[in-house]
N, C-alpha and C. Protein backbone atom coordinates (compact mmCIF):
# COMPACT_ATOMS: atom_id res chain seq x y z
N UNK A 1 46.35 -39.48 4.59
CA UNK A 1 45.32 -40.07 3.73
C UNK A 1 45.66 -41.23 2.74
N UNK A 2 44.72 -42.15 2.77
CA UNK A 2 44.95 -43.51 1.99
C UNK A 2 44.25 -43.41 0.77
N UNK A 3 44.76 -43.63 -0.45
CA UNK A 3 44.15 -43.28 -1.88
C UNK A 3 43.62 -44.92 -2.29
N UNK A 4 44.13 -45.98 -1.40
CA UNK A 4 43.60 -47.23 -1.80
C UNK A 4 42.14 -47.52 -1.43
N UNK A 5 41.45 -48.38 -2.05
CA UNK A 5 40.03 -48.78 -1.78
C UNK A 5 39.95 -49.02 -0.42
N UNK A 6 38.73 -48.69 0.27
CA UNK A 6 38.52 -49.01 1.60
C UNK A 6 38.19 -50.54 2.01
N UNK A 7 37.81 -51.00 1.03
CA UNK A 7 37.40 -52.48 1.30
C UNK A 7 38.24 -53.38 0.20
N UNK A 8 38.88 -54.63 0.92
CA UNK A 8 39.53 -55.59 0.05
C UNK A 8 38.67 -55.99 -1.08
N UNK A 9 39.08 -55.99 -2.06
CA UNK A 9 38.20 -56.46 -3.38
C UNK A 9 37.33 -55.36 -4.09
N UNK A 10 37.35 -54.42 -3.33
CA UNK A 10 36.35 -53.21 -3.83
C UNK A 10 36.97 -52.68 -5.12
N UNK A 11 36.31 -52.16 -5.96
CA UNK A 11 36.90 -51.62 -7.48
C UNK A 11 37.47 -50.26 -7.13
N UNK A 12 38.49 -50.20 -7.79
CA UNK A 12 39.20 -48.81 -7.74
C UNK A 12 38.36 -47.69 -7.99
N UNK A 13 38.12 -46.55 -7.41
CA UNK A 13 37.12 -45.70 -7.72
C UNK A 13 37.67 -45.02 -8.89
N UNK A 14 38.64 -44.74 -9.26
CA UNK A 14 39.29 -43.95 -10.38
C UNK A 14 38.88 -44.84 -11.71
N UNK A 15 39.09 -46.13 -11.57
CA UNK A 15 38.67 -46.93 -12.85
C UNK A 15 37.26 -47.08 -12.89
N UNK A 16 36.71 -47.27 -11.83
CA UNK A 16 35.19 -47.26 -11.69
C UNK A 16 34.48 -45.95 -12.43
N UNK A 17 35.01 -44.84 -12.08
CA UNK A 17 34.38 -43.70 -12.63
C UNK A 17 34.70 -43.49 -14.23
N UNK A 18 35.70 -43.85 -14.60
CA UNK A 18 36.12 -43.90 -15.94
C UNK A 18 35.68 -44.88 -16.84
N UNK A 19 34.82 -45.77 -16.47
CA UNK A 19 34.20 -46.97 -17.12
C UNK A 19 32.64 -46.89 -16.90
N UNK A 20 31.93 -47.85 -17.73
CA UNK A 20 30.34 -48.11 -17.36
C UNK A 20 30.20 -49.29 -16.40
N UNK A 21 31.18 -49.47 -15.55
CA UNK A 21 31.04 -50.77 -14.62
C UNK A 21 30.23 -50.49 -13.37
N UNK A 22 29.89 -49.14 -13.18
CA UNK A 22 28.91 -48.91 -11.97
C UNK A 22 27.73 -49.77 -11.95
N UNK A 23 27.45 -50.35 -10.81
CA UNK A 23 26.01 -50.90 -10.59
C UNK A 23 25.09 -50.20 -10.26
N UNK A 24 25.28 -48.69 -10.15
CA UNK A 24 24.48 -47.88 -9.63
C UNK A 24 23.47 -47.43 -10.81
N UNK A 25 22.23 -47.27 -10.87
CA UNK A 25 21.27 -46.82 -11.86
C UNK A 25 21.23 -45.24 -11.96
N UNK A 26 21.78 -44.72 -12.90
CA UNK A 26 21.78 -43.17 -13.05
C UNK A 26 20.62 -42.59 -12.75
N UNK A 27 19.52 -43.03 -13.13
CA UNK A 27 18.29 -42.09 -12.88
C UNK A 27 17.59 -42.20 -11.38
N UNK A 28 17.98 -43.58 -10.85
CA UNK A 28 17.59 -43.69 -9.53
C UNK A 28 18.48 -42.95 -8.66
N UNK A 29 19.73 -43.10 -8.70
CA UNK A 29 20.75 -42.10 -8.05
C UNK A 29 20.54 -40.60 -8.30
N UNK A 30 20.08 -40.17 -9.42
CA UNK A 30 19.70 -38.78 -9.45
C UNK A 30 18.20 -38.53 -8.62
N UNK A 31 17.37 -39.36 -8.64
CA UNK A 31 16.27 -39.31 -7.67
C UNK A 31 16.71 -39.06 -6.09
N UNK A 32 17.60 -39.95 -5.84
CA UNK A 32 18.12 -39.97 -4.23
C UNK A 32 18.79 -38.71 -4.08
N UNK A 33 19.65 -38.24 -4.99
CA UNK A 33 20.37 -37.00 -4.67
C UNK A 33 19.38 -35.88 -4.61
N UNK A 34 18.16 -35.87 -5.31
CA UNK A 34 16.97 -34.93 -5.51
C UNK A 34 16.70 -34.71 -3.99
N UNK A 35 16.64 -35.82 -3.05
CA UNK A 35 16.13 -35.50 -1.82
C UNK A 35 16.78 -34.45 -1.05
N UNK A 36 18.17 -34.17 -1.42
CA UNK A 36 19.00 -33.06 -1.06
C UNK A 36 18.56 -31.71 -1.17
N UNK A 37 17.63 -30.83 -0.46
CA UNK A 37 17.44 -29.52 -1.07
C UNK A 37 18.59 -28.82 -1.27
N UNK A 38 18.70 -27.96 -2.27
CA UNK A 38 19.79 -26.97 -2.54
C UNK A 38 19.20 -25.63 -2.81
N UNK A 39 20.07 -24.60 -3.01
CA UNK A 39 19.72 -23.22 -3.33
C UNK A 39 19.69 -23.46 -4.85
N UNK A 40 19.33 -22.34 -5.51
CA UNK A 40 19.44 -22.31 -7.05
C UNK A 40 20.29 -20.88 -7.23
N UNK A 41 21.12 -21.18 -8.22
CA UNK A 41 22.03 -20.20 -8.63
C UNK A 41 22.11 -20.03 -10.14
N UNK A 42 22.54 -18.86 -10.63
CA UNK A 42 22.99 -18.57 -11.92
C UNK A 42 24.37 -18.25 -11.82
N UNK A 43 25.17 -19.10 -12.56
CA UNK A 43 26.50 -18.86 -12.75
C UNK A 43 26.93 -18.00 -14.02
N UNK A 44 27.47 -17.08 -13.94
CA UNK A 44 27.73 -16.19 -15.12
C UNK A 44 29.17 -16.03 -15.30
N UNK A 45 29.61 -15.69 -16.59
CA UNK A 45 30.96 -15.43 -16.94
C UNK A 45 31.01 -14.59 -18.07
N UNK A 46 32.01 -13.89 -18.69
CA UNK A 46 32.09 -13.25 -19.78
C UNK A 46 33.07 -14.05 -20.76
N UNK A 47 32.69 -14.21 -22.23
CA UNK A 47 33.44 -14.73 -23.08
C UNK A 47 34.51 -13.54 -23.38
N UNK A 48 35.52 -14.34 -24.30
CA UNK A 48 36.62 -13.47 -24.51
C UNK A 48 36.31 -12.08 -25.11
N UNK A 49 35.25 -12.18 -25.96
CA UNK A 49 34.64 -11.06 -26.72
C UNK A 49 33.92 -10.25 -25.76
N UNK A 50 33.70 -10.43 -24.59
CA UNK A 50 32.80 -9.72 -23.57
C UNK A 50 31.42 -10.12 -23.61
N UNK A 51 31.07 -10.82 -24.49
CA UNK A 51 29.49 -11.40 -24.36
C UNK A 51 29.26 -12.27 -23.01
N UNK A 52 28.14 -11.85 -22.41
CA UNK A 52 27.81 -12.38 -21.19
C UNK A 52 27.22 -13.90 -21.49
N UNK A 53 27.49 -14.72 -20.51
CA UNK A 53 26.87 -16.28 -20.63
C UNK A 53 26.50 -16.58 -19.23
N UNK A 54 25.54 -17.41 -19.23
CA UNK A 54 24.93 -17.76 -17.84
C UNK A 54 24.10 -19.12 -18.04
N UNK A 55 24.09 -19.72 -16.79
CA UNK A 55 23.46 -21.08 -16.64
C UNK A 55 22.79 -21.18 -15.31
N UNK A 56 21.78 -21.88 -15.07
CA UNK A 56 21.14 -22.23 -13.72
C UNK A 56 21.79 -23.47 -13.37
N UNK A 57 22.39 -23.55 -11.93
CA UNK A 57 23.15 -24.45 -11.31
C UNK A 57 22.79 -24.58 -9.98
N UNK A 58 22.57 -25.75 -9.55
CA UNK A 58 22.42 -26.22 -8.10
C UNK A 58 23.53 -26.84 -7.42
N UNK A 59 24.57 -26.90 -8.06
CA UNK A 59 25.78 -27.66 -7.49
C UNK A 59 26.78 -26.69 -6.73
N UNK A 60 26.36 -25.69 -6.41
CA UNK A 60 27.24 -24.52 -5.70
C UNK A 60 27.32 -24.96 -4.32
N UNK A 61 28.64 -24.94 -3.70
CA UNK A 61 28.88 -25.21 -2.43
C UNK A 61 30.06 -24.45 -1.96
N UNK A 62 30.12 -24.08 -0.62
CA UNK A 62 31.37 -23.50 -0.04
C UNK A 62 32.43 -24.48 0.14
N UNK A 63 33.73 -24.15 0.23
CA UNK A 63 34.71 -24.97 0.29
C UNK A 63 35.61 -24.63 1.63
N UNK A 64 35.81 -23.26 1.56
CA UNK A 64 36.76 -22.68 2.53
C UNK A 64 36.58 -21.42 3.12
N UNK A 65 36.63 -21.04 4.44
CA UNK A 65 36.41 -19.51 4.92
C UNK A 65 37.76 -18.79 4.72
N UNK A 66 38.93 -19.50 4.99
CA UNK A 66 40.04 -18.84 4.99
C UNK A 66 41.21 -19.81 4.27
N UNK A 67 41.36 -19.62 2.86
CA UNK A 67 41.17 -18.27 2.00
C UNK A 67 39.42 -18.71 1.61
N UNK A 68 38.77 -17.64 1.31
CA UNK A 68 37.49 -17.99 0.79
C UNK A 68 37.43 -18.57 -0.62
N UNK A 69 36.82 -19.80 -0.49
CA UNK A 69 36.76 -20.61 -1.65
C UNK A 69 35.42 -21.19 -1.89
N UNK A 70 34.82 -21.15 -3.02
CA UNK A 70 33.68 -22.10 -3.38
C UNK A 70 33.78 -22.95 -4.67
N UNK A 71 32.82 -23.71 -4.87
CA UNK A 71 32.87 -24.61 -5.94
C UNK A 71 31.46 -24.68 -6.84
N UNK A 72 31.65 -24.95 -8.02
CA UNK A 72 30.29 -25.54 -8.57
C UNK A 72 30.73 -26.36 -9.66
N UNK A 73 29.88 -27.19 -10.29
CA UNK A 73 30.12 -28.03 -11.34
C UNK A 73 29.50 -27.97 -12.64
N UNK A 74 29.91 -28.28 -13.66
CA UNK A 74 29.19 -28.22 -15.05
C UNK A 74 29.55 -29.50 -15.86
N UNK A 75 28.54 -30.14 -16.34
CA UNK A 75 28.49 -31.18 -17.23
C UNK A 75 29.40 -31.14 -18.31
N UNK A 76 30.28 -31.83 -18.53
CA UNK A 76 31.36 -31.83 -19.79
C UNK A 76 30.79 -31.72 -21.08
N UNK A 77 29.52 -31.95 -21.50
CA UNK A 77 28.90 -31.73 -22.71
C UNK A 77 28.20 -30.49 -22.78
N UNK A 78 28.31 -29.53 -21.86
CA UNK A 78 27.66 -28.22 -21.98
C UNK A 78 28.12 -27.37 -23.14
N UNK A 79 27.52 -26.68 -23.69
CA UNK A 79 27.77 -25.86 -24.92
C UNK A 79 28.54 -24.61 -24.22
N UNK A 80 28.30 -24.40 -23.06
CA UNK A 80 28.98 -23.26 -22.40
C UNK A 80 30.36 -23.60 -21.72
N UNK A 81 30.75 -24.93 -21.71
CA UNK A 81 31.86 -25.41 -20.90
C UNK A 81 33.27 -24.50 -21.32
N UNK A 82 33.37 -24.36 -22.70
CA UNK A 82 34.65 -23.55 -23.16
C UNK A 82 34.52 -22.11 -22.58
N UNK A 83 33.45 -21.38 -22.52
CA UNK A 83 33.36 -20.13 -21.95
C UNK A 83 33.91 -19.99 -20.48
N UNK A 84 33.40 -21.06 -19.70
CA UNK A 84 33.90 -20.99 -18.13
C UNK A 84 35.15 -21.49 -18.15
N UNK A 85 35.72 -22.44 -19.09
CA UNK A 85 37.14 -22.64 -18.87
C UNK A 85 37.97 -21.75 -19.17
N UNK A 86 37.62 -20.78 -20.10
CA UNK A 86 38.51 -19.71 -20.55
C UNK A 86 38.32 -18.30 -19.74
N UNK A 87 37.18 -18.37 -18.82
CA UNK A 87 36.99 -16.98 -18.22
C UNK A 87 38.04 -16.83 -17.09
N UNK A 88 38.32 -15.73 -16.81
CA UNK A 88 39.23 -15.36 -15.64
C UNK A 88 38.44 -15.50 -14.42
N UNK A 89 37.16 -14.87 -14.56
CA UNK A 89 36.33 -14.74 -13.36
C UNK A 89 35.02 -15.51 -13.67
N UNK A 90 34.27 -15.60 -12.73
CA UNK A 90 32.80 -16.06 -12.69
C UNK A 90 31.95 -15.42 -11.37
N UNK A 91 30.85 -15.44 -11.60
CA UNK A 91 29.94 -15.05 -10.60
C UNK A 91 28.91 -15.88 -10.19
N UNK A 92 28.76 -16.34 -8.87
CA UNK A 92 27.54 -17.02 -8.33
C UNK A 92 26.46 -16.22 -7.99
N UNK A 93 25.24 -16.19 -8.70
CA UNK A 93 24.44 -15.30 -8.33
C UNK A 93 23.09 -16.27 -7.80
N UNK A 94 23.09 -16.16 -6.42
CA UNK A 94 22.07 -16.90 -5.60
C UNK A 94 20.61 -16.44 -5.78
N UNK A 95 19.78 -17.07 -6.29
CA UNK A 95 18.39 -16.60 -6.75
C UNK A 95 17.58 -16.66 -5.44
N UNK A 96 16.83 -15.71 -5.55
CA UNK A 96 15.60 -15.51 -4.40
C UNK A 96 14.21 -16.24 -4.74
N UNK A 97 13.39 -16.27 -3.77
CA UNK A 97 12.11 -17.12 -3.91
C UNK A 97 11.45 -16.38 -5.33
N UNK A 98 11.50 -15.14 -5.40
CA UNK A 98 10.69 -14.66 -6.66
C UNK A 98 11.19 -14.82 -7.98
N UNK A 99 12.44 -15.38 -8.02
CA UNK A 99 13.34 -15.47 -9.28
C UNK A 99 12.96 -16.88 -10.01
N UNK A 100 12.13 -17.59 -9.96
CA UNK A 100 11.89 -18.86 -10.41
C UNK A 100 11.82 -18.81 -11.87
N UNK A 101 11.31 -17.56 -12.59
CA UNK A 101 11.06 -17.51 -14.01
C UNK A 101 12.50 -17.04 -14.46
N UNK A 102 13.44 -16.53 -13.94
CA UNK A 102 14.85 -16.40 -14.21
C UNK A 102 15.75 -17.71 -14.04
N UNK A 103 15.36 -18.39 -13.16
CA UNK A 103 16.13 -19.65 -13.07
C UNK A 103 15.53 -20.56 -14.32
N UNK A 104 14.39 -20.54 -14.57
CA UNK A 104 13.95 -21.51 -15.63
C UNK A 104 14.48 -20.83 -17.06
N UNK A 105 14.52 -19.68 -17.23
CA UNK A 105 15.10 -18.75 -18.43
C UNK A 105 16.49 -19.33 -18.63
N UNK A 106 17.28 -19.20 -17.63
CA UNK A 106 18.71 -19.52 -17.77
C UNK A 106 19.12 -21.13 -17.94
N UNK A 107 18.02 -22.03 -17.41
CA UNK A 107 18.07 -23.60 -17.53
C UNK A 107 18.05 -24.06 -18.96
N UNK A 108 17.58 -23.12 -19.88
CA UNK A 108 17.54 -23.46 -21.14
C UNK A 108 18.65 -22.86 -22.16
N UNK A 109 18.81 -23.74 -23.32
CA UNK A 109 19.70 -23.29 -24.17
C UNK A 109 19.12 -21.99 -25.11
N UNK A 110 19.84 -20.89 -25.07
CA UNK A 110 19.22 -19.86 -25.81
C UNK A 110 20.63 -18.65 -25.95
N UNK A 111 20.24 -18.13 -27.16
CA UNK A 111 21.33 -16.97 -27.23
C UNK A 111 20.88 -15.64 -26.73
N UNK A 112 19.71 -15.58 -26.32
CA UNK A 112 19.16 -14.38 -25.62
C UNK A 112 18.93 -14.38 -24.25
N UNK A 113 19.54 -15.13 -23.58
CA UNK A 113 19.27 -15.46 -21.92
C UNK A 113 19.37 -14.07 -21.19
N UNK A 114 20.05 -12.97 -21.67
CA UNK A 114 20.19 -11.78 -20.97
C UNK A 114 19.15 -10.74 -21.38
N UNK A 115 18.41 -10.93 -22.48
CA UNK A 115 17.42 -10.11 -23.00
C UNK A 115 16.46 -9.68 -21.96
N UNK A 116 16.30 -8.41 -21.47
CA UNK A 116 15.31 -8.13 -20.26
C UNK A 116 15.78 -8.58 -19.00
N UNK A 117 17.02 -8.71 -18.81
CA UNK A 117 17.49 -9.05 -17.60
C UNK A 117 18.51 -8.05 -16.91
N UNK A 118 18.19 -7.43 -15.67
CA UNK A 118 18.98 -6.33 -15.02
C UNK A 118 20.10 -7.03 -14.58
N UNK A 119 21.42 -6.30 -15.19
CA UNK A 119 22.66 -6.92 -14.50
C UNK A 119 23.81 -5.76 -14.71
N UNK A 120 24.79 -5.92 -14.10
CA UNK A 120 26.06 -5.20 -14.26
C UNK A 120 27.34 -5.90 -14.56
N UNK A 121 28.19 -5.67 -15.26
CA UNK A 121 29.52 -6.36 -15.13
C UNK A 121 30.17 -6.37 -13.94
N UNK A 122 30.70 -7.53 -13.48
CA UNK A 122 31.20 -7.45 -12.34
C UNK A 122 32.88 -7.77 -12.61
N UNK A 123 33.51 -8.35 -11.62
CA UNK A 123 35.02 -8.59 -12.01
C UNK A 123 35.21 -9.63 -13.00
N UNK A 124 36.31 -9.33 -13.94
CA UNK A 124 36.32 -10.05 -15.13
C UNK A 124 35.22 -9.89 -16.25
N UNK A 125 34.54 -9.01 -16.09
CA UNK A 125 33.36 -8.95 -16.85
C UNK A 125 31.90 -9.79 -16.53
N UNK A 126 32.29 -10.71 -15.82
CA UNK A 126 31.19 -11.70 -15.19
C UNK A 126 30.10 -10.88 -14.62
N UNK A 127 28.73 -11.23 -15.44
CA UNK A 127 27.51 -10.51 -14.71
C UNK A 127 27.03 -10.79 -13.53
N UNK A 128 26.64 -9.76 -12.92
CA UNK A 128 26.27 -9.70 -11.62
C UNK A 128 24.59 -9.23 -11.67
N UNK A 129 23.73 -10.32 -11.23
CA UNK A 129 22.52 -10.06 -11.52
C UNK A 129 21.72 -9.29 -10.50
N UNK A 130 20.86 -8.52 -10.91
CA UNK A 130 20.13 -7.37 -10.03
C UNK A 130 19.18 -8.33 -9.28
N UNK A 131 18.75 -8.09 -8.04
CA UNK A 131 17.80 -8.62 -7.14
C UNK A 131 18.27 -10.05 -6.62
N UNK A 132 19.36 -10.52 -6.89
CA UNK A 132 19.90 -11.81 -6.27
C UNK A 132 19.75 -11.79 -4.69
N UNK A 133 19.77 -12.93 -4.10
CA UNK A 133 19.81 -13.02 -2.74
C UNK A 133 21.29 -12.61 -2.34
N UNK A 134 22.13 -13.29 -3.12
CA UNK A 134 23.64 -12.87 -2.85
C UNK A 134 24.40 -13.35 -4.10
N UNK A 135 25.65 -12.71 -4.21
CA UNK A 135 26.45 -12.79 -5.37
C UNK A 135 27.79 -13.02 -4.92
N UNK A 136 28.60 -14.05 -5.45
CA UNK A 136 29.97 -14.06 -5.00
C UNK A 136 30.70 -14.10 -6.42
N UNK A 137 31.57 -12.96 -6.42
CA UNK A 137 32.34 -12.79 -7.64
C UNK A 137 33.84 -13.23 -7.31
N UNK A 138 33.98 -14.28 -8.34
CA UNK A 138 35.20 -15.24 -8.07
C UNK A 138 36.20 -15.32 -9.16
N UNK A 139 37.51 -15.24 -8.88
CA UNK A 139 38.55 -15.53 -9.83
C UNK A 139 38.71 -17.17 -10.03
N UNK A 140 38.74 -17.57 -11.16
CA UNK A 140 38.75 -18.83 -11.43
C UNK A 140 40.13 -19.45 -10.79
N UNK A 141 40.18 -20.26 -9.94
CA UNK A 141 41.41 -20.62 -9.28
C UNK A 141 41.74 -21.98 -9.73
N UNK A 142 40.83 -22.95 -10.27
CA UNK A 142 41.46 -24.31 -10.59
C UNK A 142 40.12 -24.95 -11.07
N UNK A 143 40.39 -26.07 -11.77
CA UNK A 143 39.32 -27.02 -12.26
C UNK A 143 39.82 -28.43 -12.10
N UNK A 144 38.82 -29.52 -11.77
CA UNK A 144 39.04 -30.57 -11.62
C UNK A 144 38.02 -31.39 -12.36
N UNK A 145 38.52 -32.38 -12.77
CA UNK A 145 37.45 -33.45 -13.72
C UNK A 145 37.13 -34.50 -12.87
N UNK A 146 35.74 -34.68 -12.51
CA UNK A 146 35.12 -35.55 -11.71
C UNK A 146 33.86 -36.50 -12.50
N UNK A 147 34.18 -37.46 -13.06
CA UNK A 147 33.23 -38.39 -13.79
C UNK A 147 32.65 -37.57 -15.01
N UNK A 148 31.37 -37.20 -15.24
CA UNK A 148 30.86 -36.53 -16.32
C UNK A 148 30.90 -34.97 -16.15
N UNK A 149 31.36 -34.52 -15.22
CA UNK A 149 31.34 -32.96 -14.83
C UNK A 149 32.80 -32.44 -14.50
N UNK A 150 32.95 -31.11 -14.81
CA UNK A 150 34.00 -30.26 -14.41
C UNK A 150 33.78 -29.45 -13.29
N UNK A 151 34.65 -29.54 -12.28
CA UNK A 151 34.33 -28.82 -11.03
C UNK A 151 35.23 -27.50 -11.03
N UNK A 152 34.55 -26.42 -10.77
CA UNK A 152 35.20 -25.07 -10.95
C UNK A 152 35.40 -24.58 -9.56
N UNK A 153 36.90 -24.21 -9.04
CA UNK A 153 37.05 -23.86 -7.85
C UNK A 153 37.40 -22.38 -8.07
N UNK A 154 36.39 -21.50 -7.14
CA UNK A 154 36.59 -20.09 -7.16
C UNK A 154 37.31 -19.35 -5.93
N UNK A 155 37.93 -18.40 -6.07
CA UNK A 155 38.52 -17.90 -5.07
C UNK A 155 37.66 -16.29 -4.98
N UNK A 156 36.99 -16.44 -4.08
CA UNK A 156 36.02 -15.24 -3.83
C UNK A 156 36.84 -13.91 -3.32
N UNK A 157 36.33 -13.06 -4.59
CA UNK A 157 37.25 -11.58 -4.60
C UNK A 157 36.23 -10.52 -3.93
N UNK A 158 34.72 -10.70 -4.18
CA UNK A 158 34.00 -9.69 -3.72
C UNK A 158 32.58 -10.53 -3.51
N UNK A 159 31.83 -10.03 -2.65
CA UNK A 159 30.34 -10.65 -2.54
C UNK A 159 29.54 -9.60 -1.94
N UNK A 160 28.14 -9.98 -2.18
CA UNK A 160 27.17 -9.18 -1.39
C UNK A 160 26.03 -10.03 -1.01
N UNK A 161 25.06 -9.78 -0.06
CA UNK A 161 23.97 -10.60 0.13
C UNK A 161 22.94 -9.78 0.87
N UNK A 162 21.63 -10.25 0.85
CA UNK A 162 20.62 -9.52 1.37
C UNK A 162 19.79 -10.54 2.21
N UNK A 163 18.80 -10.16 2.88
CA UNK A 163 17.79 -10.80 3.66
C UNK A 163 16.88 -11.68 3.01
N UNK A 164 16.83 -11.42 1.85
CA UNK A 164 15.59 -11.81 1.13
C UNK A 164 15.62 -13.61 1.12
N UNK A 165 14.46 -13.96 0.80
CA UNK A 165 14.11 -15.49 0.99
C UNK A 165 14.81 -16.20 -0.27
N UNK A 166 15.49 -17.07 0.00
CA UNK A 166 16.10 -17.80 -1.18
C UNK A 166 15.20 -18.71 -1.94
N UNK A 167 15.49 -19.26 -3.20
CA UNK A 167 14.79 -20.19 -3.93
C UNK A 167 15.43 -21.34 -3.58
N UNK A 168 14.71 -22.45 -3.36
CA UNK A 168 15.18 -23.76 -3.22
C UNK A 168 14.71 -24.66 -4.09
N UNK A 169 15.58 -25.67 -4.30
CA UNK A 169 15.08 -26.80 -5.33
C UNK A 169 15.41 -28.26 -4.56
N UNK A 170 14.37 -29.05 -4.77
CA UNK A 170 14.43 -30.59 -4.19
C UNK A 170 13.30 -31.51 -5.06
N UNK A 171 13.90 -32.62 -5.38
CA UNK A 171 12.82 -33.57 -5.83
C UNK A 171 12.28 -32.90 -7.25
N UNK A 172 13.30 -32.23 -8.07
CA UNK A 172 12.87 -31.84 -9.24
C UNK A 172 12.07 -30.62 -9.35
N UNK A 173 11.75 -30.05 -8.11
CA UNK A 173 10.81 -28.68 -7.92
C UNK A 173 11.35 -27.60 -7.17
N UNK A 174 10.80 -26.49 -7.66
CA UNK A 174 11.21 -25.29 -6.78
C UNK A 174 10.43 -25.26 -5.70
N UNK A 175 10.99 -24.69 -4.49
CA UNK A 175 10.16 -24.41 -3.41
C UNK A 175 10.77 -23.28 -2.46
N UNK A 176 10.16 -23.14 -1.16
CA UNK A 176 10.38 -22.19 -0.22
C UNK A 176 11.11 -22.68 1.10
N UNK A 177 11.89 -21.84 1.77
CA UNK A 177 12.28 -22.29 3.19
C UNK A 177 11.14 -21.72 4.15
N UNK A 178 10.78 -22.60 5.04
CA UNK A 178 9.88 -22.13 6.12
C UNK A 178 10.71 -22.54 7.54
N UNK A 179 11.15 -21.38 7.97
CA UNK A 179 11.76 -21.49 9.39
C UNK A 179 10.97 -22.01 10.37
N UNK A 180 11.40 -22.81 11.42
CA UNK A 180 10.73 -23.21 12.50
C UNK A 180 9.74 -22.07 13.11
N UNK A 181 10.35 -20.94 13.37
CA UNK A 181 9.76 -19.90 13.93
C UNK A 181 8.62 -19.49 13.25
N UNK A 182 8.84 -19.49 11.98
CA UNK A 182 7.52 -18.93 11.21
C UNK A 182 6.51 -20.01 11.16
N UNK A 183 6.91 -21.12 11.17
CA UNK A 183 5.72 -22.42 11.04
C UNK A 183 4.84 -22.21 12.44
N UNK A 184 5.67 -21.83 13.52
CA UNK A 184 4.90 -21.85 14.74
C UNK A 184 3.81 -20.63 14.79
N UNK A 185 4.10 -19.50 14.03
CA UNK A 185 3.18 -18.41 13.87
C UNK A 185 1.98 -18.81 13.16
N UNK A 186 1.98 -19.75 12.31
CA UNK A 186 0.83 -20.02 11.24
C UNK A 186 -0.20 -20.47 12.21
N UNK A 187 -1.60 -20.26 11.84
CA UNK A 187 -2.60 -20.86 12.53
C UNK A 187 -2.78 -22.27 12.15
């Protein structure tokens, strides 16, 4: 693997990311990224005092099957950053199509996000939300800094999943997945 820029005269990516020299418009770039539909998750962890924390996230991805690894990222100026940096474990709760209200609740800053939410403590005390399509309980394996985000790598130690329909997000809006075989059944 070569860490050098691919094109002669191209800027060094490490320096480009560390400065404001990028020629890419952040808002337009975000719009382009929004064309890629993702699932919606709530990432949870417990603070050192045991208090549950969580936030809505769509930057979740699988990394490896063997060993089982996943990742997600959090903006560096998040008020929850130190909670997740200090947590031994986190849970990725994949939301179902009926959980849009929950996604919106955890997307906002609030001290009472867990009020009225059905959950149970998982590994390391990280909340596992009831009715999620899937949950991945992870040991915090590593962190990497990339631009304005921290990338959290998790070693999956337990997981569950159901056949429920997942909640999707694209172009700044929630949506649903319609499989080709379902589309053919429609009149």
